[in-house]
């Protein structure tokens, strides 16, 4: 015997009747805009009651609408805290939907720190440093709350210093390690795969990692932050990590900043100031005359809408309906010599590293597509020829911070730590004739210059803000079938819709944001000797390495490229529930080979 319920109201009626707690979900499947979930009666309930043995719930998932909130979870905040809240903006909703309950787009940046054993960093130093950053940047305390008006960001701030210390300590995961490399690999493995326990609950604050060596004699540490993309973008994450290390170099100064905040009770009584969403700062298109709005729309159709093509990429080889998301992260660290060759080749051809790698991904996809089409290896070819050309779509980000600051002389118009980017699709088109007649290096540099021209057309357009504002709607539509998930157990199944062409995030030279060595300013911490630090200015901390662990959205992939301490790293994170490791790793390896070969003969 079974009961079928349709729609959110029907499901909520079943839950209100007290029936659903007696059931556990045994399967779910997405059917268009509907999600069918089958619940089985718990065995221990079968003798006590006589309800249906199974319940099937068909839920219609409207775009960007949160599921009914789980009100059974107690609010962790107390009267000791002040809070602020606001509704999610359109870009924040996009990134929350992108997570899809499996942490898609989440990142765990890690840095390994070295410090003299004579001046060890205590756990108390780390707690105070994080407590200070929580006060500086309210988004570090943010969580998602589901209200009747919609999903909203909630930030909190402690009213007292002991409470601030306690809240900071609750966020930090402390651990000891015998071998730091093994500990880093364990964190990477833990963050990837199908491990649901490592998926951040969007109703909770971010997870902070603070590990140190067992004996303390080596002065080795690991620091990391598991963040969601709607909280911080890549550059802002690195900025927070730098500030954390700066506070560790001068613990007395960190404590003084904490003391000053709670000195008179006035600052602590104020609610935290949540950064305004970037959309609120965009100019209002209605203030422009009709002719300029028309030209802005034409520019959008010419520069952005050309992405409406049949895309090429790596054909998926998983099931039509994946059983879940399995994050796989692979990377290639280039030597200092190879890094120098890549940078020199890009300079010679007048392109940036990101554009070079975009072109390499495109050429790798077309090469593999040709091989599989010729050999008839794959039943789902990723190669499409349209109007005599191959078209590869890449999801790219634009850092809006400099453009927003140009809107006003007020430097406070955008808080330093917030989400300040817009996404757009860049299309690299390579003609069949060029691909078959030119050698590989010529094709790659041709594609890189095309990527550069497209990016410049966006950034230098006199209708830049028209393009950015018009981008919001199509980017929301990209994942419109995903509902917000306030549960880690109920993601919406997303079948692969297109061949894989990963989103590319070019972070650049991280050393410009995160120096390899950070010291307390001379004379800035006069009491440092009381902490066992040098009287000349506090402890010095060396950042030995920096890495980014990432999670891929379902049926998708994300590539990161960054340089630190003179060495470049290429990384690919993808969903191997849709793309097998054999194919995904082959795609990645082909890109790395292209990069090295082309850079060696610019």
Protein backbone atom coordinates (compact mmCIF):
# COMPACT_ATOMS: atom_id res chain seq x y z
CA UNK A 1 0.00 0.00 0.00
CA UNK A 2 1.37 3.46 -0.85
CA UNK A 3 0.36 7.09 -0.79
CA UNK A 4 1.34 9.64 -3.41
CA UNK A 5 1.60 13.36 -2.60
CA UNK A 6 2.18 16.09 -5.16
CA UNK A 7 3.68 19.51 -4.58
CA UNK A 8 5.18 21.35 -1.63
CA UNK A 9 1.78 21.77 0.11
CA UNK A 10 1.04 18.05 -0.04
CA UNK A 11 4.47 17.18 1.30
CA UNK A 12 4.12 19.69 4.12
CA UNK A 13 0.69 18.29 5.00
CA UNK A 14 2.19 14.82 5.35
CA UNK A 15 5.00 16.22 7.51
CA UNK A 16 2.56 18.17 9.72
CA UNK A 17 0.48 15.03 10.22
CA UNK A 18 3.48 13.43 11.88
CA UNK A 19 3.81 10.66 9.32
CA UNK A 20 7.19 11.50 7.75
CA UNK A 21 9.31 11.00 10.92
CA UNK A 22 8.33 7.32 10.73
CA UNK A 23 9.90 6.97 7.28
CA UNK A 24 13.39 7.06 5.78
CA UNK A 25 14.16 7.97 2.20
CA UNK A 26 15.31 5.05 0.10
CA UNK A 27 15.58 6.67 -3.35
CA UNK A 28 15.01 9.88 -5.26
CA UNK A 29 15.07 10.90 -8.90
CA UNK A 30 14.70 14.19 -10.70
CA UNK A 31 12.11 14.21 -13.49
CA UNK A 32 12.21 17.50 -15.34
CA UNK A 33 11.20 20.13 -12.80
CA UNK A 34 9.92 17.48 -10.40
CA UNK A 35 11.74 15.40 -7.82
CA UNK A 36 10.26 12.02 -6.91
CA UNK A 37 11.33 10.68 -3.52
CA UNK A 38 10.30 7.30 -2.11
CA UNK A 39 10.21 6.84 1.67
CA UNK A 40 10.08 3.45 3.40
CA UNK A 41 8.50 2.85 6.81
CA UNK A 42 11.09 2.27 9.57
CA UNK A 43 10.98 -1.44 10.52
CA UNK A 44 10.56 -0.64 14.20
CA UNK A 45 7.35 1.29 13.41
CA UNK A 46 5.65 -1.48 11.44
CA UNK A 47 4.33 -3.32 14.48
CA UNK A 48 3.26 -0.26 16.43
CA UNK A 49 1.23 1.51 13.79
CA UNK A 50 -0.57 0.60 10.63
CA UNK A 51 0.41 3.34 8.16
CA UNK A 52 1.35 2.79 4.50
CA UNK A 53 4.57 0.80 4.06
CA UNK A 54 5.86 3.39 1.59
CA UNK A 55 5.22 6.99 0.70
CA UNK A 56 6.10 8.58 -2.62
CA UNK A 57 6.39 12.36 -2.66
CA UNK A 58 6.45 14.20 -5.97
CA UNK A 59 7.81 17.71 -5.38
CA UNK A 60 7.68 20.40 -8.07
CA UNK A 61 10.88 22.42 -7.79
CA UNK A 62 10.40 26.05 -8.78
CA UNK A 63 13.50 27.98 -9.84
CA UNK A 64 15.43 29.63 -7.01
CA UNK A 65 12.76 28.91 -4.39
CA UNK A 66 13.93 27.50 -1.05
CA UNK A 67 12.49 24.27 0.24
CA UNK A 68 10.41 24.49 3.42
CA UNK A 69 12.84 25.23 6.26
CA UNK A 70 13.78 22.64 8.80
CA UNK A 71 12.53 24.26 11.99
CA UNK A 72 13.67 21.40 14.17
CA UNK A 73 17.21 22.76 14.38
CA UNK A 74 17.73 25.06 17.36
CA UNK A 75 19.22 28.47 16.69
CA UNK A 76 22.75 28.40 18.16
CA UNK A 77 22.74 32.13 18.92
CA UNK A 78 21.75 33.49 22.30
CA UNK A 79 20.96 36.82 23.88
CA UNK A 80 24.73 37.27 24.17
CA UNK A 81 24.89 37.97 20.43
CA UNK A 82 23.67 40.67 18.09
CA UNK A 83 22.58 39.70 14.59
CA UNK A 84 21.87 41.28 11.22
CA UNK A 85 20.21 39.73 8.21
CA UNK A 86 19.27 40.47 4.62
CA UNK A 87 17.87 38.51 1.71
CA UNK A 88 20.28 36.81 -0.66
CA UNK A 89 21.10 38.78 -3.78
CA UNK A 90 20.73 37.27 -7.25
CA UNK A 91 24.43 36.39 -7.52
CA UNK A 92 24.43 34.89 -4.02
CA UNK A 93 21.33 32.84 -4.87
CA UNK A 94 23.14 31.55 -7.93
CA UNK A 95 26.10 30.28 -5.91
CA UNK A 96 23.87 28.77 -3.21
CA UNK A 97 21.88 26.94 -5.89
CA UNK A 98 25.13 25.85 -7.53
CA UNK A 99 26.07 24.01 -4.31
CA UNK A 100 23.04 21.74 -4.77
CA UNK A 101 23.43 20.23 -1.31
CA UNK A 102 26.81 18.66 -2.16
CA UNK A 103 29.05 21.70 -1.69
CA UNK A 104 29.51 22.46 -5.38
CA UNK A 105 31.78 25.49 -5.73
CA UNK A 106 32.94 25.33 -2.10
CA UNK A 107 36.66 25.73 -1.48
CA UNK A 108 39.14 24.84 1.22
CA UNK A 109 42.26 26.98 0.71
CA UNK A 110 45.16 25.73 2.81
CA UNK A 111 48.49 27.31 3.72
CA UNK A 112 51.37 25.59 5.49
CA UNK A 113 53.24 27.78 7.95
CA UNK A 114 56.74 27.58 9.41
CA UNK A 115 57.76 29.43 12.55
CA UNK A 116 60.79 29.24 14.82
CA UNK A 117 60.23 26.66 17.60
CA UNK A 118 61.55 29.30 19.98
CA UNK A 119 58.39 31.36 19.34
CA UNK A 120 55.62 28.76 18.97
CA UNK A 121 52.11 29.78 17.95
CA UNK A 122 49.65 28.70 20.62
CA UNK A 123 46.07 27.64 20.04
CA UNK A 124 45.06 30.71 22.05
CA UNK A 125 46.88 32.92 19.50
CA UNK A 126 44.90 31.29 16.67
CA UNK A 127 41.59 31.71 18.53
CA UNK A 128 42.19 35.41 19.22
CA UNK A 129 43.25 36.01 15.62
CA UNK A 130 40.06 34.40 14.29
CA UNK A 131 37.94 36.29 16.83
CA UNK A 132 39.42 39.55 15.54
CA UNK A 133 38.72 38.63 11.91
CA UNK A 134 35.12 37.74 12.74
CA UNK A 135 34.70 41.29 14.06
CA UNK A 136 36.47 42.87 11.10
CA UNK A 137 34.56 40.92 8.47
CA UNK A 138 30.98 39.89 9.37
CA UNK A 139 30.73 37.60 6.32
CA UNK A 140 33.06 35.21 8.14
CA UNK A 141 30.21 34.61 10.59
CA UNK A 142 27.52 34.28 7.94
CA UNK A 143 25.07 31.43 7.62
CA UNK A 144 21.86 30.92 5.65
CA UNK A 145 18.48 31.08 7.34
CA UNK A 146 15.24 30.07 5.61
CA UNK A 147 12.47 32.54 6.40
CA UNK A 148 8.98 33.05 5.01
CA UNK A 149 10.31 35.98 2.95
CA UNK A 150 13.02 33.81 1.42
CA UNK A 151 16.55 32.61 2.07
CA UNK A 152 18.62 35.21 3.88
CA UNK A 153 22.15 35.79 5.11
CA UNK A 154 22.50 36.06 8.89
CA UNK A 155 25.65 37.46 10.53
CA UNK A 156 26.30 37.54 14.25
CA UNK A 157 28.57 39.38 16.66
CA UNK A 158 29.24 38.70 20.34
CA UNK A 159 28.33 41.27 22.98
CA UNK A 160 31.20 40.29 25.29
CA UNK A 161 34.82 39.35 24.78
CA UNK A 162 34.52 35.90 26.43
CA UNK A 163 31.61 35.14 24.12
CA UNK A 164 33.65 36.31 21.09
CA UNK A 165 36.47 33.96 22.09
CA UNK A 166 34.04 31.08 22.60
CA UNK A 167 32.38 31.58 19.20
CA UNK A 168 35.76 31.74 17.44
CA UNK A 169 36.92 28.57 19.19
CA UNK A 170 33.75 26.72 18.14
CA UNK A 171 34.61 27.34 14.47
CA UNK A 172 38.14 25.97 14.67
CA UNK A 173 39.06 22.33 14.20
CA UNK A 174 42.24 21.64 16.20
CA UNK A 175 44.47 18.65 15.47
CA UNK A 176 48.06 17.41 15.71
CA UNK A 177 50.11 15.76 12.97
CA UNK A 178 53.34 13.75 12.79
CA UNK A 179 53.91 14.41 9.08
CA UNK A 180 52.55 17.63 7.60
CA UNK A 181 52.44 16.40 4.01
CA UNK A 182 50.36 13.42 5.09
CA UNK A 183 48.01 15.71 7.04
CA UNK A 184 47.51 17.95 4.00
CA UNK A 185 46.78 14.96 1.78
CA UNK A 186 44.31 13.65 4.35
CA UNK A 187 42.49 17.01 4.34
CA UNK A 188 42.38 17.01 0.55
CA UNK A 189 41.00 13.47 0.46
CA UNK A 190 38.49 14.26 3.19
CA UNK A 191 37.22 17.33 1.37
CA UNK A 192 36.81 15.48 -1.95
CA UNK A 193 35.04 12.27 -2.86
CA UNK A 194 31.48 11.58 -1.74
CA UNK A 195 32.03 12.34 1.95
CA UNK A 196 28.84 14.16 3.02
CA UNK A 197 30.20 14.94 6.50
CA UNK A 198 32.67 17.39 4.96
CA UNK A 199 29.93 19.31 3.14
CA UNK A 200 29.31 22.60 4.89
CA UNK A 201 25.79 22.97 6.23
CA UNK A 202 24.67 26.34 4.89
CA UNK A 203 22.83 26.95 8.15
CA UNK A 204 26.16 26.89 10.02
CA UNK A 205 29.30 28.99 10.03
CA UNK A 206 32.41 28.12 8.06
CA UNK A 207 34.90 25.52 9.26
CA UNK A 208 38.41 26.67 10.16
CA UNK A 209 41.44 24.34 10.18
CA UNK A 210 44.31 24.81 12.65
CA UNK A 211 46.73 21.88 12.81
CA UNK A 212 50.23 21.82 14.32
CA UNK A 213 53.05 19.28 14.63
CA UNK A 214 52.86 16.88 17.55
CA UNK A 215 56.05 17.86 19.35
CA UNK A 216 56.19 21.55 18.48
CA UNK A 217 59.91 21.18 17.87
CA UNK A 218 59.57 21.76 14.11
CA UNK A 219 57.37 24.85 14.28
CA UNK A 220 55.02 23.57 11.54
CA UNK A 221 51.35 24.51 11.15
CA UNK A 222 48.42 24.21 8.72
CA UNK A 223 45.72 26.85 8.39
CA UNK A 224 42.61 26.57 6.21
CA UNK A 225 39.06 27.89 5.77
CA UNK A 226 36.23 25.84 4.30
CA UNK A 227 34.13 28.53 2.63
CA UNK A 228 31.10 28.71 0.38
CA UNK A 229 31.37 30.77 -2.78
CA UNK A 230 28.54 33.16 -1.88
CA UNK A 231 30.55 34.23 1.19
CA UNK A 232 33.90 35.03 -0.36
CA UNK A 233 35.43 34.84 -3.80
CA UNK A 234 38.96 33.56 -4.38
CA UNK A 235 40.91 36.78 -3.94
CA UNK A 236 39.00 37.76 -0.81
CA UNK A 237 39.75 34.33 0.74
CA UNK A 238 43.47 34.91 0.25
CA UNK A 239 43.17 38.39 1.75
CA UNK A 240 41.58 36.93 4.90
CA UNK A 241 44.33 34.32 5.18
CA UNK A 242 47.01 37.01 4.95
CA UNK A 243 45.35 39.02 7.70
CA UNK A 244 45.18 35.92 9.89
CA UNK A 245 48.93 35.33 9.55
CA UNK A 246 49.63 39.01 10.24
CA UNK A 247 47.69 38.75 13.50
CA UNK A 248 49.65 35.63 14.46
CA UNK A 249 52.94 37.49 14.07
CA UNK A 250 51.89 40.04 16.72
CA UNK A 251 49.56 38.41 19.27
CA UNK A 252 49.67 41.40 21.61
CA UNK A 253 48.42 43.62 18.81
CA UNK A 254 45.63 41.15 18.04
CA UNK A 255 44.57 41.10 21.69
CA UNK A 256 44.67 44.91 21.81
CA UNK A 257 42.30 45.11 18.84
CA UNK A 258 39.92 42.73 20.59
CA UNK A 259 40.13 44.73 23.83
CA UNK A 260 39.43 47.99 22.00
CA UNK A 261 36.27 46.61 20.44
CA UNK A 262 34.79 45.67 23.82
CA UNK A 263 36.28 48.57 25.80
CA UNK A 264 33.19 50.77 26.25
CA UNK A 265 30.45 48.37 25.16
CA UNK A 266 29.27 50.69 22.39
CA UNK A 267 30.86 48.87 19.44
CA UNK A 268 29.92 45.46 20.80
CA UNK A 269 26.27 46.50 21.13
CA UNK A 270 26.00 47.43 17.46
CA UNK A 271 24.70 44.77 15.07
CA UNK A 272 27.25 43.51 12.52
CA UNK A 273 27.30 45.39 9.24
CA UNK A 274 26.64 42.93 6.42
CA UNK A 275 28.29 43.98 3.16
CA UNK A 276 25.83 45.24 0.60
CA UNK A 277 25.37 42.94 -2.38
CA UNK A 278 27.12 44.20 -5.47
CA UNK A 279 23.80 44.36 -7.32
CA UNK A 280 22.70 47.18 -5.03
CA UNK A 281 25.66 49.23 -6.18
CA UNK A 282 25.09 48.69 -9.90
CA UNK A 283 23.88 51.81 -11.73
CA UNK A 284 20.17 51.90 -12.51
CA UNK A 285 19.67 51.35 -16.23
CA UNK A 286 16.44 53.37 -16.07
CA UNK A 287 18.53 56.48 -15.53
CA UNK A 288 19.91 56.12 -19.07
CA UNK A 289 17.95 57.31 -22.08
CA UNK A 290 16.21 54.85 -24.36
CA UNK A 291 18.86 55.08 -27.10
CA UNK A 292 21.70 54.20 -24.74
CA UNK A 293 19.72 51.30 -23.28
CA UNK A 294 19.10 50.03 -26.81
CA UNK A 295 22.81 50.21 -27.67
CA UNK A 296 23.67 48.51 -24.40
CA UNK A 297 21.35 45.64 -25.25
CA UNK A 298 22.85 45.38 -28.73
CA UNK A 299 26.33 45.22 -27.21
CA UNK A 300 25.18 42.45 -24.90
CA UNK A 301 23.74 40.43 -27.79
CA UNK A 302 26.97 40.85 -29.76
CA UNK A 303 29.49 40.16 -26.99
CA UNK A 304 27.68 37.74 -24.68
CA UNK A 305 24.82 36.15 -26.59
CA UNK A 306 27.17 34.67 -29.13
CA UNK A 307 27.70 32.00 -26.48
CA UNK A 308 24.41 30.48 -27.71
CA UNK A 309 26.21 27.85 -29.79
CA UNK A 310 26.51 24.07 -29.81
CA UNK A 311 29.45 23.61 -27.41
CA UNK A 312 32.39 21.23 -27.65
CA UNK A 313 34.11 19.55 -24.72
CA UNK A 314 34.79 16.21 -23.11
CA UNK A 315 31.83 13.88 -23.62
CA UNK A 316 30.51 12.40 -20.40
CA UNK A 317 30.63 8.64 -19.97
CA UNK A 318 28.67 8.19 -16.74
CA UNK A 319 25.04 7.12 -16.41
CA UNK A 320 22.26 9.24 -17.86
CA UNK A 321 21.02 9.89 -14.32
CA UNK A 322 24.03 9.97 -11.93
CA UNK A 323 23.53 8.44 -8.50
CA UNK A 324 25.27 11.37 -6.83
CA UNK A 325 28.27 13.67 -7.02
CA UNK A 326 31.81 12.34 -6.61
CA UNK A 327 34.38 15.14 -6.37
CA UNK A 328 37.79 14.38 -7.86
CA UNK A 329 40.63 16.88 -7.69
CA UNK A 330 43.88 16.47 -9.65
CA UNK A 331 46.72 18.94 -9.98
CA UNK A 332 50.03 19.54 -11.70
CA UNK A 333 52.71 21.66 -10.05
CA UNK A 334 55.08 23.03 -12.66
CA UNK A 335 58.74 23.55 -11.82
CA UNK A 336 60.22 27.02 -11.51
CA UNK A 337 61.86 26.55 -14.92
CA UNK A 338 58.61 25.47 -16.59
CA UNK A 339 56.76 28.32 -14.86
CA UNK A 340 59.29 30.82 -16.21
CA UNK A 341 58.85 29.37 -19.73
CA UNK A 342 55.04 29.68 -19.50
CA UNK A 343 55.21 33.28 -18.28
CA UNK A 344 57.76 34.26 -20.94
CA UNK A 345 55.71 32.66 -23.74
CA UNK A 346 52.56 34.48 -22.62
CA UNK A 347 54.45 37.78 -22.52
CA UNK A 348 55.81 37.23 -26.02
CA UNK A 349 52.31 36.66 -27.40
CA UNK A 350 50.69 39.43 -25.37
CA UNK A 351 48.22 37.27 -23.46
CA UNK A 352 47.76 36.50 -19.78
CA UNK A 353 48.17 33.05 -18.25
CA UNK A 354 44.41 32.49 -17.91
CA UNK A 355 43.88 33.09 -21.64
CA UNK A 356 46.71 30.70 -22.49
CA UNK A 357 45.14 27.97 -20.37
CA UNK A 358 41.66 28.66 -21.79
CA UNK A 359 43.07 28.05 -25.26
CA UNK A 360 44.84 24.89 -24.10
CA UNK A 361 41.61 23.45 -22.65
CA UNK A 362 39.81 24.19 -25.93
CA UNK A 363 42.48 22.60 -28.12
CA UNK A 364 42.69 19.55 -25.83
CA UNK A 365 38.92 19.03 -26.07
CA UNK A 366 38.95 19.27 -29.87
CA UNK A 367 41.93 16.92 -30.17
CA UNK A 368 40.31 14.26 -27.98
CA UNK A 369 37.01 14.73 -29.82
CA UNK A 370 38.75 14.14 -33.17
CA UNK A 371 40.42 11.00 -31.86
CA UNK A 372 37.19 9.56 -30.52
CA UNK A 373 35.17 10.47 -33.60
CA UNK A 374 37.77 8.89 -35.85
CA UNK A 375 38.06 5.70 -33.81
CA UNK A 376 34.38 5.52 -32.93
CA UNK A 377 35.37 5.07 -29.32
CA UNK A 378 32.68 7.11 -27.62
CA UNK A 379 28.93 6.85 -28.09
CA UNK A 380 28.45 10.43 -26.88
CA UNK A 381 30.88 12.54 -28.92
CA UNK A 382 31.86 15.88 -27.44
CA UNK A 383 32.84 17.36 -30.79
CA UNK A 384 30.34 19.52 -32.71
CA UNK A 385 31.08 21.39 -35.91
CA UNK A 386 28.83 24.41 -36.39
CA UNK A 387 29.18 26.85 -39.27
CA UNK A 388 32.62 25.47 -40.05
CA UNK A 389 33.99 26.03 -36.51
CA UNK A 390 34.34 24.34 -33.16
CA UNK A 391 32.97 26.39 -30.25
CA UNK A 392 34.19 25.91 -26.67
CA UNK A 393 32.31 27.71 -23.88
CA UNK A 394 34.11 28.67 -20.68
CA UNK A 395 32.56 30.13 -17.55
CA UNK A 396 34.74 33.03 -16.42
CA UNK A 397 34.63 35.58 -13.62
CA UNK A 398 35.11 39.35 -13.72
CA UNK A 399 36.47 41.02 -10.59
CA UNK A 400 34.12 43.97 -10.14
CA UNK A 401 36.01 45.65 -7.29
CA UNK A 402 37.92 48.19 -9.41
CA UNK A 403 34.84 49.02 -11.49
CA UNK A 404 32.65 49.53 -8.43
CA UNK A 405 35.20 51.81 -6.79
CA UNK A 406 35.26 53.89 -9.97
CA UNK A 407 31.53 54.56 -9.54
CA UNK A 408 32.16 56.70 -6.49
CA UNK A 409 34.98 58.52 -4.74
CA UNK A 410 33.77 57.01 -1.50
CA UNK A 411 36.27 54.23 -0.81
CA UNK A 412 33.83 52.58 1.61
CA UNK A 413 31.21 51.96 -1.08
CA UNK A 414 32.23 48.27 -1.14
CA UNK A 415 33.53 46.49 1.95
CA UNK A 416 36.92 44.89 1.48
CA UNK A 417 35.71 41.37 2.18
CA UNK A 418 32.63 40.42 0.15
CA UNK A 419 31.58 38.72 -3.06
CA UNK A 420 32.64 41.11 -5.83
CA UNK A 421 32.45 39.25 -9.09
CA UNK A 422 30.22 38.57 -12.07
CA UNK A 423 30.18 35.46 -14.22
CA UNK A 424 29.95 35.28 -17.98
CA UNK A 425 30.45 32.70 -20.72
CA UNK A 426 33.41 33.22 -23.03
CA UNK A 427 33.32 31.32 -26.32
CA UNK A 428 36.51 30.33 -28.10
CA UNK A 429 35.78 29.50 -31.75
CA UNK A 430 38.36 27.66 -33.82
CA UNK A 431 37.65 27.01 -37.49
CA UNK A 432 37.98 23.47 -38.77
CA UNK A 433 40.38 24.69 -41.45
CA UNK A 434 42.68 26.37 -38.91
CA UNK A 435 42.66 23.33 -36.65
CA UNK A 436 43.56 20.89 -39.41
CA UNK A 437 46.04 23.07 -41.32
CA UNK A 438 48.01 24.85 -38.57
CA UNK A 439 50.36 23.21 -36.09
CA UNK A 440 49.30 22.88 -32.45
CA UNK A 441 51.24 25.92 -31.19
CA UNK A 442 49.75 28.21 -33.82
CA UNK A 443 46.22 27.02 -32.99
CA UNK A 444 46.75 27.55 -29.25
CA UNK A 445 48.09 31.09 -29.62
CA UNK A 446 45.35 31.93 -32.12
CA UNK A 447 42.74 30.75 -29.61
CA UNK A 448 44.47 32.62 -26.75
CA UNK A 449 44.36 35.87 -28.72
CA UNK A 450 40.67 35.30 -29.43
CA UNK A 451 40.06 34.84 -25.70
CA UNK A 452 41.97 38.06 -25.00
CA UNK A 453 39.94 40.00 -27.58
CA UNK A 454 36.63 38.75 -26.15
CA UNK A 455 37.64 39.64 -22.60
CA UNK A 456 38.78 43.11 -23.67
CA UNK A 457 35.50 43.65 -25.52
CA UNK A 458 33.67 43.13 -22.24
CA UNK A 459 35.97 45.09 -19.93
CA UNK A 460 36.53 48.02 -22.29
CA UNK A 461 32.99 48.31 -23.60
CA UNK A 462 31.41 51.76 -23.10
CA UNK A 463 28.33 49.77 -22.08
CA UNK A 464 30.17 47.69 -19.45
CA UNK A 465 27.49 48.04 -16.76
CA UNK A 466 24.73 47.28 -19.26
CA UNK A 467 26.51 44.00 -20.06
CA UNK A 468 27.01 43.08 -16.39
CA UNK A 469 23.39 43.82 -15.46
CA UNK A 470 21.99 41.91 -18.44
CA UNK A 471 24.22 38.97 -17.45
CA UNK A 472 22.35 38.40 -14.20
CA UNK A 473 19.23 36.80 -15.72
CA UNK A 474 20.90 34.23 -18.02
CA UNK A 475 23.33 33.20 -15.29
CA UNK A 476 20.39 32.53 -12.99
CA UNK A 477 18.72 30.45 -15.71
CA UNK A 478 21.82 28.26 -16.06
CA UNK A 479 20.89 26.37 -12.89
CA UNK A 480 17.23 27.33 -12.62
CA UNK A 481 16.17 23.72 -11.95
CA UNK A 482 18.08 23.67 -8.68
CA UNK A 483 16.19 24.56 -5.55
CA UNK A 484 17.96 25.80 -2.45
CA UNK A 485 18.86 22.87 -0.25
CA UNK A 486 18.80 23.30 3.50
CA UNK A 487 19.67 19.63 3.92
CA UNK A 488 22.87 17.75 3.18
CA UNK A 489 20.86 14.63 2.25
CA UNK A 490 18.56 15.82 -0.50
CA UNK A 491 20.46 17.23 -3.49
CA UNK A 492 18.67 17.49 -6.82
CA UNK A 493 20.00 15.01 -9.38
CA UNK A 494 21.61 16.91 -12.26
CA UNK A 495 22.25 14.96 -15.46
CA UNK A 496 25.14 16.12 -17.69
CA UNK A 497 23.60 18.47 -20.24
CA UNK A 498 26.72 19.43 -22.19
CA UNK A 499 30.23 18.08 -22.77
CA UNK A 500 32.69 19.09 -20.07
CA UNK A 501 34.53 22.37 -20.52
CA UNK A 502 35.56 23.48 -17.04
CA UNK A 503 35.09 26.92 -15.61
CA UNK A 504 38.56 28.47 -15.41
CA UNK A 505 39.60 30.56 -12.41
CA UNK A 506 42.90 32.33 -12.97
CA UNK A 507 44.01 33.64 -9.58
CA UNK A 508 47.36 34.93 -10.83
CA UNK A 509 50.45 35.34 -8.70
CA UNK A 510 49.22 34.71 -5.16
CA UNK A 511 52.47 36.16 -3.77
CA UNK A 512 51.15 39.66 -4.50
CA UNK A 513 48.35 39.00 -1.99
CA UNK A 514 50.05 36.51 0.30
CA UNK A 515 53.81 37.10 0.75
CA UNK A 516 55.97 34.05 1.39
CA UNK A 517 57.17 35.59 4.66
CA UNK A 518 55.28 37.87 7.06
CA UNK A 519 56.76 39.65 10.09
CA UNK A 520 55.35 41.98 12.70
CA UNK A 521 56.26 45.60 11.90
CA UNK A 522 59.29 46.80 13.79
CA UNK A 523 58.23 48.52 17.00
CA UNK A 524 54.52 47.84 16.33
CA UNK A 525 54.23 45.38 19.21
CA UNK A 526 56.32 46.74 22.12
CA UNK A 527 55.12 44.06 24.54
CA UNK A 528 56.03 41.17 22.25
CA UNK A 529 58.93 40.17 24.52
CA UNK A 530 56.36 39.16 27.13
CA UNK A 531 55.19 36.46 24.73
CA UNK A 532 58.73 35.17 24.24
CA UNK A 533 58.99 36.98 20.93
CA UNK A 534 61.94 38.98 19.68
CA UNK A 535 62.08 42.55 20.91
CA UNK A 536 62.80 43.74 17.37
CA UNK A 537 59.22 43.34 16.24
CA UNK A 538 57.61 39.99 16.94
CA UNK A 539 57.73 36.58 15.32
CA UNK A 540 58.30 35.91 11.65
CA UNK A 541 56.12 33.35 9.89
CA UNK A 542 57.09 31.78 6.58
CA UNK A 543 54.35 30.51 4.28
CA UNK A 544 55.83 27.33 2.88
CA UNK A 545 53.05 26.48 0.42
CA UNK A 546 49.55 27.41 -0.60
CA UNK A 547 46.90 25.21 -2.22
CA UNK A 548 43.21 25.26 -3.01
CA UNK A 549 41.00 22.24 -2.43
CA UNK A 550 37.75 22.63 -4.36
CA UNK A 551 34.45 20.87 -4.94
CA UNK A 552 32.81 20.64 -8.30
CA UNK A 553 29.14 21.36 -8.96
CA UNK A 554 27.28 18.24 -10.15
CA UNK A 555 28.08 17.10 -13.70
CA UNK A 556 30.59 19.91 -14.05
CA UNK A 557 34.24 20.85 -13.58
CA UNK A 558 36.32 23.78 -12.31
CA UNK A 559 39.94 24.53 -13.13
CA UNK A 560 42.19 26.75 -11.00
CA UNK A 561 45.52 28.23 -12.05
CA UNK A 562 47.78 30.06 -9.62
CA UNK A 563 51.42 30.86 -8.97
CA UNK A 564 53.06 30.88 -5.55
CA UNK A 565 56.75 31.15 -4.68
CA UNK A 566 57.67 31.09 -8.35
CA UNK A 567 55.84 27.83 -9.11
CA UNK A 568 52.63 27.58 -11.13
CA UNK A 569 49.91 25.04 -10.31
CA UNK A 570 47.19 23.77 -12.65
CA UNK A 571 44.25 22.02 -11.00
CA UNK A 572 41.05 20.38 -12.20
CA UNK A 573 38.13 19.42 -9.95
CA UNK A 574 35.34 17.51 -11.65
CA UNK A 575 32.41 15.23 -10.96
CA UNK A 576 33.59 11.71 -11.74
CA UNK A 577 30.06 10.39 -11.30
CA UNK A 578 29.49 11.87 -14.78
CA UNK A 579 33.04 11.78 -16.15
CA UNK A 580 35.11 8.72 -15.30
CA UNK A 581 38.58 9.26 -13.77
CA UNK A 582 40.13 7.67 -16.85
CA UNK A 583 38.59 10.29 -19.14
CA UNK A 584 38.86 13.25 -16.79
CA UNK A 585 42.50 12.54 -16.02
CA UNK A 586 43.24 12.06 -19.71
CA UNK A 587 41.69 15.46 -20.47
CA UNK A 588 43.74 17.10 -17.72
CA UNK A 589 46.95 15.38 -18.79
CA UNK A 590 46.45 16.50 -22.38
CA UNK A 591 46.11 20.13 -21.26
CA UNK A 592 49.30 19.93 -19.18
CA UNK A 593 51.19 18.43 -22.14
CA UNK A 594 49.93 21.16 -24.47
CA UNK A 595 50.94 23.89 -22.04
CA UNK A 596 54.49 22.59 -21.68
CA UNK A 597 55.00 21.85 -25.37
CA UNK A 598 53.65 25.18 -26.60
CA UNK A 599 55.47 27.21 -23.93
CA UNK A 600 58.77 25.53 -24.82
CA UNK A 601 58.49 26.68 -28.46
CA UNK A 602 56.70 30.04 -28.38
